[in-house]
Amino acid sequence: MIPVAFALAAVLYLLTSLHVYWGLGGVWPGTDQASCARAVAGFRGVDTMPTPFACFAVAACLMLATLWPLALVGIFATPFPKAGLASSALMIALVFLGRGIAGFTPGWRRLTPEMPFARLDRLYYSPLCLAIGAGFAFLAIKGFQP
């Protein structure tokens, strides 16, 4: 369980860092606001990045999710019981699995048709969400076991 927890925490920490970077005005993987927005947001007609508040809000959620697997395996101290952590991990898994599945649906593609986001989403973003969701589901199931 510990390797899965560390892998999840590492990936989520990197994603958190990226959202903080974007909140501070960073434009990678683009060269300006518009190209970055088309690569990481992808909504129809997008030409600016989400607001700093939105980027920092997502970063805060991701940072909390970063600590969850570590708490489940006992590396991060928490006052919450293991069953509660496992239940919450299952909810986090469902969020990531839902986002990962959505990336392969026609409805999501109609909402996010901008290139290169549509291609990157299909190749990287959605599969990464599925992998993160699977990792949380694995930890949640193991967390319910004595």
N, C-alpha and C. Protein backbone atom coordinates (compact mmCIF):
# COMPACT_ATOMS: atom_id res chain seq x y z
N MET A 1 0.82 -1.21 0.00
CA MET A 1 0.00 0.00 0.00
C MET A 1 0.86 1.26 0.00
N ILE A 2 2.00 1.20 0.67
CA ILE A 2 2.82 2.41 0.81
C ILE A 2 3.34 2.90 -0.54
N PRO A 3 3.82 2.02 -1.44
CA PRO A 3 4.27 2.53 -2.75
C PRO A 3 3.15 3.23 -3.54
N VAL A 4 1.94 2.68 -3.46
CA VAL A 4 0.81 3.31 -4.15
C VAL A 4 0.52 4.67 -3.54
N ALA A 5 0.55 4.75 -2.21
CA ALA A 5 0.30 6.02 -1.53
C ALA A 5 1.34 7.06 -1.91
N PHE A 6 2.62 6.67 -1.94
CA PHE A 6 3.67 7.62 -2.31
C PHE A 6 3.55 8.04 -3.78
N ALA A 7 3.21 7.11 -4.65
CA ALA A 7 3.06 7.45 -6.07
C ALA A 7 1.91 8.44 -6.26
N LEU A 8 0.78 8.16 -5.61
CA LEU A 8 -0.36 9.08 -5.70
C LEU A 8 0.01 10.46 -5.16
N ALA A 9 0.65 10.48 -4.00
CA ALA A 9 1.02 11.75 -3.39
C ALA A 9 1.97 12.53 -4.29
N ALA A 10 2.92 11.85 -4.90
CA ALA A 10 3.88 12.53 -5.77
C ALA A 10 3.20 13.14 -7.00
N VAL A 11 2.34 12.37 -7.64
CA VAL A 11 1.63 12.86 -8.83
C VAL A 11 0.72 14.02 -8.45
N LEU A 12 -0.02 13.87 -7.36
CA LEU A 12 -0.93 14.94 -6.94
C LEU A 12 -0.17 16.19 -6.51
N TYR A 13 0.99 16.02 -5.91
CA TYR A 13 1.81 17.18 -5.54
C TYR A 13 2.27 17.94 -6.79
N LEU A 14 2.67 17.20 -7.82
CA LEU A 14 3.06 17.85 -9.08
C LEU A 14 1.89 18.60 -9.71
N LEU A 15 0.71 17.99 -9.68
CA LEU A 15 -0.48 18.66 -10.22
C LEU A 15 -0.83 19.90 -9.39
N THR A 16 -0.67 19.79 -8.08
CA THR A 16 -0.90 20.95 -7.20
C THR A 16 0.05 22.08 -7.58
N SER A 17 1.31 21.74 -7.76
CA SER A 17 2.33 22.74 -8.11
C SER A 17 2.01 23.41 -9.44
N LEU A 18 1.55 22.64 -10.41
CA LEU A 18 1.17 23.22 -11.70
C LEU A 18 0.03 24.22 -11.54
N HIS A 19 -0.96 23.90 -10.73
CA HIS A 19 -2.09 24.82 -10.54
C HIS A 19 -1.66 26.09 -9.81
N VAL A 20 -0.74 25.96 -8.87
CA VAL A 20 -0.20 27.16 -8.21
C VAL A 20 0.56 28.00 -9.23
N TYR A 21 1.37 27.36 -10.05
CA TYR A 21 2.12 28.05 -11.11
C TYR A 21 1.17 28.83 -12.03
N TRP A 22 0.08 28.17 -12.45
CA TRP A 22 -0.89 28.85 -13.32
C TRP A 22 -1.59 29.98 -12.56
N GLY A 23 -1.86 29.79 -11.30
CA GLY A 23 -2.47 30.85 -10.49
C GLY A 23 -1.58 32.07 -10.36
N LEU A 24 -0.28 31.84 -10.40
CA LEU A 24 0.69 32.94 -10.33
C LEU A 24 0.95 33.58 -11.69
N GLY A 25 0.28 33.08 -12.71
CA GLY A 25 0.40 33.68 -14.04
C GLY A 25 1.24 32.90 -15.03
N GLY A 26 1.68 31.71 -14.66
CA GLY A 26 2.48 30.88 -15.57
C GLY A 26 1.68 30.46 -16.79
N VAL A 27 2.37 30.28 -17.90
CA VAL A 27 1.69 29.94 -19.15
C VAL A 27 2.19 28.63 -19.78
N TRP A 28 3.06 27.89 -19.12
CA TRP A 28 3.46 26.60 -19.65
C TRP A 28 2.29 25.65 -19.55
N PRO A 29 1.98 24.85 -20.50
CA PRO A 29 2.76 24.44 -21.66
C PRO A 29 2.56 25.30 -22.89
N GLY A 30 1.92 26.44 -22.74
CA GLY A 30 1.75 27.35 -23.86
C GLY A 30 2.87 28.37 -23.89
N THR A 31 2.65 29.40 -24.71
CA THR A 31 3.61 30.50 -24.79
C THR A 31 2.98 31.81 -24.35
N ASP A 32 1.65 31.81 -24.21
CA ASP A 32 0.91 32.97 -23.73
C ASP A 32 -0.39 32.47 -23.12
N GLN A 33 -1.21 33.38 -22.59
CA GLN A 33 -2.47 32.99 -21.93
C GLN A 33 -3.35 32.14 -22.85
N ALA A 34 -3.52 32.59 -24.08
CA ALA A 34 -4.44 31.89 -24.99
C ALA A 34 -3.96 30.48 -25.31
N SER A 35 -2.68 30.33 -25.64
CA SER A 35 -2.18 29.00 -26.00
C SER A 35 -2.18 28.06 -24.79
N CYS A 36 -1.90 28.59 -23.62
CA CYS A 36 -1.93 27.77 -22.41
C CYS A 36 -3.37 27.34 -22.12
N ALA A 37 -4.31 28.26 -22.23
CA ALA A 37 -5.72 27.94 -21.97
C ALA A 37 -6.22 26.88 -22.94
N ARG A 38 -5.80 26.96 -24.20
CA ARG A 38 -6.22 25.96 -25.18
C ARG A 38 -5.60 24.60 -24.89
N ALA A 39 -4.45 24.59 -24.21
CA ALA A 39 -3.78 23.31 -23.90
C ALA A 39 -4.28 22.69 -22.60
N VAL A 40 -4.68 23.50 -21.61
CA VAL A 40 -5.01 22.93 -20.30
C VAL A 40 -6.48 23.09 -19.89
N ALA A 41 -7.22 23.96 -20.56
CA ALA A 41 -8.65 24.12 -20.24
C ALA A 41 -9.51 23.56 -21.36
N GLY A 42 -9.27 24.03 -22.57
CA GLY A 42 -9.88 23.42 -23.74
C GLY A 42 -11.33 23.73 -24.04
N PHE A 43 -11.97 24.58 -23.22
CA PHE A 43 -13.38 24.89 -23.49
C PHE A 43 -13.52 25.69 -24.77
N ARG A 44 -14.62 25.52 -25.43
CA ARG A 44 -14.88 26.17 -26.72
C ARG A 44 -14.63 27.68 -26.62
N GLY A 45 -13.77 28.18 -27.49
CA GLY A 45 -13.50 29.61 -27.57
C GLY A 45 -12.65 30.18 -26.44
N VAL A 46 -12.06 29.34 -25.60
CA VAL A 46 -11.26 29.83 -24.48
C VAL A 46 -10.03 30.58 -24.99
N ASP A 47 -9.77 31.75 -24.41
CA ASP A 47 -8.57 32.50 -24.80
C ASP A 47 -7.83 33.08 -23.60
N THR A 48 -8.33 32.80 -22.39
CA THR A 48 -7.61 33.21 -21.18
C THR A 48 -7.63 32.05 -20.19
N MET A 49 -6.64 32.03 -19.35
CA MET A 49 -6.57 31.02 -18.31
C MET A 49 -7.64 31.30 -17.25
N PRO A 50 -8.03 30.28 -16.51
CA PRO A 50 -8.94 30.52 -15.38
C PRO A 50 -8.33 31.53 -14.41
N THR A 51 -9.16 32.14 -13.59
CA THR A 51 -8.69 33.17 -12.67
C THR A 51 -7.71 32.57 -11.66
N PRO A 52 -6.86 33.42 -11.08
CA PRO A 52 -5.97 32.91 -10.03
C PRO A 52 -6.75 32.24 -8.90
N PHE A 53 -7.90 32.81 -8.52
CA PHE A 53 -8.71 32.20 -7.47
C PHE A 53 -9.08 30.77 -7.84
N ALA A 54 -9.51 30.55 -9.07
CA ALA A 54 -9.90 29.20 -9.51
C ALA A 54 -8.69 28.26 -9.48
N CYS A 55 -7.54 28.74 -9.95
CA CYS A 55 -6.33 27.90 -9.95
C CYS A 55 -5.93 27.53 -8.52
N PHE A 56 -5.97 28.52 -7.61
CA PHE A 56 -5.59 28.25 -6.22
C PHE A 56 -6.62 27.37 -5.52
N ALA A 57 -7.89 27.49 -5.87
CA ALA A 57 -8.92 26.63 -5.28
C ALA A 57 -8.69 25.18 -5.69
N VAL A 58 -8.39 24.96 -6.96
CA VAL A 58 -8.09 23.60 -7.42
C VAL A 58 -6.82 23.10 -6.75
N ALA A 59 -5.82 23.97 -6.63
CA ALA A 59 -4.57 23.58 -5.97
C ALA A 59 -4.82 23.17 -4.52
N ALA A 60 -5.69 23.90 -3.83
CA ALA A 60 -6.00 23.56 -2.44
C ALA A 60 -6.67 22.18 -2.35
N CYS A 61 -7.60 21.91 -3.25
CA CYS A 61 -8.26 20.60 -3.26
C CYS A 61 -7.26 19.48 -3.58
N LEU A 62 -6.39 19.74 -4.53
CA LEU A 62 -5.39 18.74 -4.89
C LEU A 62 -4.40 18.51 -3.75
N MET A 63 -4.04 19.58 -3.02
CA MET A 63 -3.12 19.42 -1.90
C MET A 63 -3.75 18.55 -0.81
N LEU A 64 -5.01 18.78 -0.56
CA LEU A 64 -5.72 17.94 0.42
C LEU A 64 -5.74 16.49 -0.05
N ALA A 65 -6.01 16.29 -1.32
CA ALA A 65 -6.01 14.94 -1.88
C ALA A 65 -4.62 14.32 -1.82
N THR A 66 -3.58 15.14 -1.90
CA THR A 66 -2.20 14.65 -1.80
C THR A 66 -1.94 14.02 -0.43
N LEU A 67 -2.51 14.61 0.60
CA LEU A 67 -2.28 14.12 1.96
C LEU A 67 -3.09 12.86 2.28
N TRP A 68 -4.21 12.66 1.57
CA TRP A 68 -5.13 11.56 1.89
C TRP A 68 -4.48 10.19 1.81
N PRO A 69 -3.79 9.84 0.72
CA PRO A 69 -3.18 8.51 0.68
C PRO A 69 -2.13 8.32 1.77
N LEU A 70 -1.40 9.40 2.08
CA LEU A 70 -0.38 9.30 3.13
C LEU A 70 -1.03 9.08 4.49
N ALA A 71 -2.18 9.69 4.71
CA ALA A 71 -2.91 9.49 5.96
C ALA A 71 -3.45 8.06 6.04
N LEU A 72 -3.91 7.55 4.91
CA LEU A 72 -4.48 6.20 4.89
C LEU A 72 -3.46 5.13 5.27
N VAL A 73 -2.20 5.35 4.91
CA VAL A 73 -1.17 4.34 5.22
C VAL A 73 -0.42 4.69 6.50
N GLY A 74 -0.86 5.74 7.21
CA GLY A 74 -0.28 6.07 8.50
C GLY A 74 0.97 6.93 8.47
N ILE A 75 1.31 7.52 7.33
CA ILE A 75 2.50 8.36 7.24
C ILE A 75 2.20 9.80 7.64
N PHE A 76 1.00 10.25 7.35
CA PHE A 76 0.56 11.59 7.72
C PHE A 76 -0.41 11.46 8.88
N ALA A 77 -0.09 12.10 9.99
CA ALA A 77 -0.93 11.98 11.19
C ALA A 77 -2.26 12.70 10.98
N THR A 78 -3.33 12.06 11.42
CA THR A 78 -4.66 12.62 11.30
C THR A 78 -5.52 12.11 12.45
N PRO A 79 -6.46 12.92 12.92
CA PRO A 79 -7.34 12.45 14.00
C PRO A 79 -8.50 11.59 13.49
N PHE A 80 -8.62 11.45 12.18
CA PHE A 80 -9.75 10.72 11.61
C PHE A 80 -9.53 9.21 11.67
N PRO A 81 -10.58 8.44 11.92
CA PRO A 81 -10.44 6.98 11.94
C PRO A 81 -10.17 6.44 10.53
N LYS A 82 -9.53 5.29 10.49
CA LYS A 82 -9.15 4.71 9.20
C LYS A 82 -10.37 4.44 8.31
N ALA A 83 -11.48 4.03 8.91
CA ALA A 83 -12.68 3.76 8.11
C ALA A 83 -13.19 5.04 7.46
N GLY A 84 -13.11 6.15 8.17
CA GLY A 84 -13.52 7.43 7.60
C GLY A 84 -12.60 7.87 6.48
N LEU A 85 -11.30 7.66 6.67
CA LEU A 85 -10.34 7.98 5.60
C LEU A 85 -10.59 7.11 4.38
N ALA A 86 -10.88 5.83 4.61
CA ALA A 86 -11.13 4.92 3.49
C ALA A 86 -12.40 5.32 2.75
N SER A 87 -13.44 5.69 3.49
CA SER A 87 -14.69 6.13 2.85
C SER A 87 -14.46 7.38 2.02
N SER A 88 -13.72 8.32 2.57
CA SER A 88 -13.42 9.55 1.84
C SER A 88 -12.55 9.27 0.62
N ALA A 89 -11.62 8.35 0.76
CA ALA A 89 -10.76 7.98 -0.37
C ALA A 89 -11.60 7.39 -1.50
N LEU A 90 -12.63 6.65 -1.13
CA LEU A 90 -13.53 6.10 -2.15
C LEU A 90 -14.26 7.22 -2.89
N MET A 91 -14.67 8.25 -2.17
CA MET A 91 -15.33 9.40 -2.81
C MET A 91 -14.34 10.13 -3.74
N ILE A 92 -13.11 10.30 -3.28
CA ILE A 92 -12.09 10.93 -4.12
C ILE A 92 -11.87 10.08 -5.37
N ALA A 93 -11.83 8.76 -5.20
CA ALA A 93 -11.66 7.86 -6.34
C ALA A 93 -12.78 8.07 -7.36
N LEU A 94 -14.01 8.18 -6.87
CA LEU A 94 -15.14 8.36 -7.78
C LEU A 94 -15.04 9.67 -8.55
N VAL A 95 -14.54 10.72 -7.91
CA VAL A 95 -14.37 12.01 -8.61
C VAL A 95 -13.36 11.86 -9.74
N PHE A 96 -12.21 11.27 -9.44
CA PHE A 96 -11.18 11.11 -10.48
C PHE A 96 -11.62 10.13 -11.56
N LEU A 97 -12.25 9.04 -11.17
CA LEU A 97 -12.74 8.09 -12.18
C LEU A 97 -13.79 8.73 -13.07
N GLY A 98 -14.68 9.51 -12.46
CA GLY A 98 -15.70 10.20 -13.25
C GLY A 98 -15.10 11.16 -14.25
N ARG A 99 -14.09 11.93 -13.80
CA ARG A 99 -13.43 12.86 -14.73
C ARG A 99 -12.69 12.10 -15.83
N GLY A 100 -12.06 11.00 -15.45
CA GLY A 100 -11.34 10.21 -16.45
C GLY A 100 -12.28 9.62 -17.49
N ILE A 101 -13.40 9.10 -17.06
CA ILE A 101 -14.39 8.54 -18.00
C ILE A 101 -14.98 9.64 -18.86
N ALA A 102 -15.30 10.76 -18.25
CA ALA A 102 -15.91 11.87 -19.00
C ALA A 102 -15.06 12.29 -20.18
N GLY A 103 -13.74 12.24 -20.02
CA GLY A 103 -12.84 12.66 -21.09
C GLY A 103 -12.97 11.86 -22.37
N PHE A 104 -13.60 10.70 -22.30
CA PHE A 104 -13.78 9.87 -23.48
C PHE A 104 -15.20 9.90 -24.03
N THR A 105 -16.01 10.80 -23.51
CA THR A 105 -17.41 10.87 -23.96
C THR A 105 -17.61 11.99 -24.99
N PRO A 106 -18.56 11.82 -25.90
CA PRO A 106 -18.84 12.86 -26.90
C PRO A 106 -19.30 14.17 -26.25
N GLY A 107 -20.04 14.08 -25.17
CA GLY A 107 -20.51 15.29 -24.50
C GLY A 107 -19.36 16.14 -23.98
N TRP A 108 -18.37 15.50 -23.38
CA TRP A 108 -17.19 16.23 -22.89
C TRP A 108 -16.42 16.83 -24.06
N ARG A 109 -16.32 16.10 -25.13
CA ARG A 109 -15.58 16.60 -26.29
C ARG A 109 -16.29 17.81 -26.90
N ARG A 110 -17.62 17.84 -26.84
CA ARG A 110 -18.34 19.02 -27.34
C ARG A 110 -18.06 20.24 -26.45
N LEU A 111 -17.89 20.01 -25.15
CA LEU A 111 -17.57 21.10 -24.23
C LEU A 111 -16.14 21.58 -24.36
N THR A 112 -15.24 20.65 -24.69
CA THR A 112 -13.80 20.96 -24.71
C THR A 112 -13.17 20.56 -26.04
N PRO A 113 -13.55 21.24 -27.12
CA PRO A 113 -13.05 20.83 -28.42
C PRO A 113 -11.71 21.46 -28.82
N GLU A 114 -11.24 22.46 -28.06
CA GLU A 114 -10.04 23.19 -28.47
C GLU A 114 -8.83 22.26 -28.52
N MET A 115 -8.02 22.49 -29.52
CA MET A 115 -6.75 21.78 -29.65
C MET A 115 -5.66 22.68 -29.10
N PRO A 116 -4.68 22.17 -28.42
CA PRO A 116 -4.35 20.76 -28.30
C PRO A 116 -5.01 20.05 -27.11
N PHE A 117 -5.87 20.74 -26.34
CA PHE A 117 -6.48 20.10 -25.17
C PHE A 117 -7.16 18.79 -25.51
N ALA A 118 -7.98 18.77 -26.56
CA ALA A 118 -8.75 17.57 -26.88
C ALA A 118 -7.82 16.37 -27.08
N ARG A 119 -6.72 16.58 -27.76
CA ARG A 119 -5.75 15.50 -28.00
C ARG A 119 -5.04 15.13 -26.70
N LEU A 120 -4.56 16.14 -25.96
CA LEU A 120 -3.86 15.88 -24.70
C LEU A 120 -4.77 15.22 -23.67
N ASP A 121 -6.02 15.60 -23.67
CA ASP A 121 -6.98 15.02 -22.74
C ASP A 121 -7.16 13.54 -23.03
N ARG A 122 -7.32 13.20 -24.27
CA ARG A 122 -7.53 11.81 -24.66
C ARG A 122 -6.27 10.97 -24.39
N LEU A 123 -5.10 11.55 -24.63
CA LEU A 123 -3.85 10.79 -24.48
C LEU A 123 -3.30 10.77 -23.06
N TYR A 124 -3.46 11.88 -22.32
CA TYR A 124 -2.79 12.00 -21.03
C TYR A 124 -3.71 12.34 -19.86
N TYR A 125 -4.50 13.42 -19.97
CA TYR A 125 -5.26 13.90 -18.82
C TYR A 125 -6.28 12.90 -18.32
N SER A 126 -7.11 12.39 -19.21
CA SER A 126 -8.14 11.43 -18.80
C SER A 126 -7.54 10.11 -18.31
N PRO A 127 -6.55 9.54 -19.02
CA PRO A 127 -5.94 8.32 -18.48
C PRO A 127 -5.26 8.56 -17.11
N LEU A 128 -4.67 9.72 -16.92
CA LEU A 128 -4.07 10.03 -15.63
C LEU A 128 -5.14 10.08 -14.54
N CYS A 129 -6.27 10.70 -14.83
CA CYS A 129 -7.38 10.74 -13.87
C CYS A 129 -7.87 9.33 -13.55
N LEU A 130 -7.95 8.47 -14.55
CA LEU A 130 -8.35 7.08 -14.32
C LEU A 130 -7.35 6.36 -13.42
N ALA A 131 -6.06 6.59 -13.66
CA ALA A 131 -5.03 5.95 -12.85
C ALA A 131 -5.08 6.46 -11.40
N ILE A 132 -5.25 7.76 -11.23
CA ILE A 132 -5.36 8.32 -9.88
C ILE A 132 -6.59 7.75 -9.18
N GLY A 133 -7.70 7.71 -9.89
CA GLY A 133 -8.92 7.15 -9.32
C GLY A 133 -8.75 5.69 -8.93
N ALA A 134 -8.08 4.92 -9.77
CA ALA A 134 -7.84 3.51 -9.46
C ALA A 134 -6.95 3.38 -8.23
N GLY A 135 -5.95 4.25 -8.12
CA GLY A 135 -5.08 4.22 -6.94
C GLY A 135 -5.85 4.51 -5.67
N PHE A 136 -6.70 5.53 -5.70
CA PHE A 136 -7.52 5.84 -4.52
C PHE A 136 -8.48 4.70 -4.21
N ALA A 137 -9.07 4.09 -5.23
CA ALA A 137 -9.99 2.97 -5.00
C ALA A 137 -9.25 1.81 -4.35
N PHE A 138 -8.06 1.52 -4.83
CA PHE A 138 -7.24 0.45 -4.25
C PHE A 138 -6.96 0.72 -2.78
N LEU A 139 -6.52 1.95 -2.47
CA LEU A 139 -6.22 2.30 -1.07
C LEU A 139 -7.47 2.27 -0.22
N ALA A 140 -8.59 2.71 -0.78
CA ALA A 140 -9.84 2.69 -0.02
C ALA A 140 -10.25 1.27 0.33
N ILE A 141 -10.17 0.38 -0.64
CA ILE A 141 -10.55 -1.01 -0.40
C ILE A 141 -9.62 -1.64 0.64
N LYS A 142 -8.32 -1.39 0.49
CA LYS A 142 -7.35 -1.92 1.46
C LYS A 142 -7.58 -1.29 2.85
N GLY A 143 -8.03 -0.04 2.87
CA GLY A 143 -8.26 0.65 4.14
C GLY A 143 -9.42 0.09 4.92
N PHE A 144 -10.36 -0.56 4.24
CA PHE A 144 -11.50 -1.18 4.92
C PHE A 144 -11.13 -2.54 5.52
N GLN A 145 -10.01 -3.10 5.06
CA GLN A 145 -9.60 -4.41 5.56
C GLN A 145 -8.85 -4.25 6.88
N PRO A 146 -9.02 -5.22 7.79
CA PRO A 146 -8.35 -5.12 9.09
C PRO A 146 -6.85 -5.30 9.00
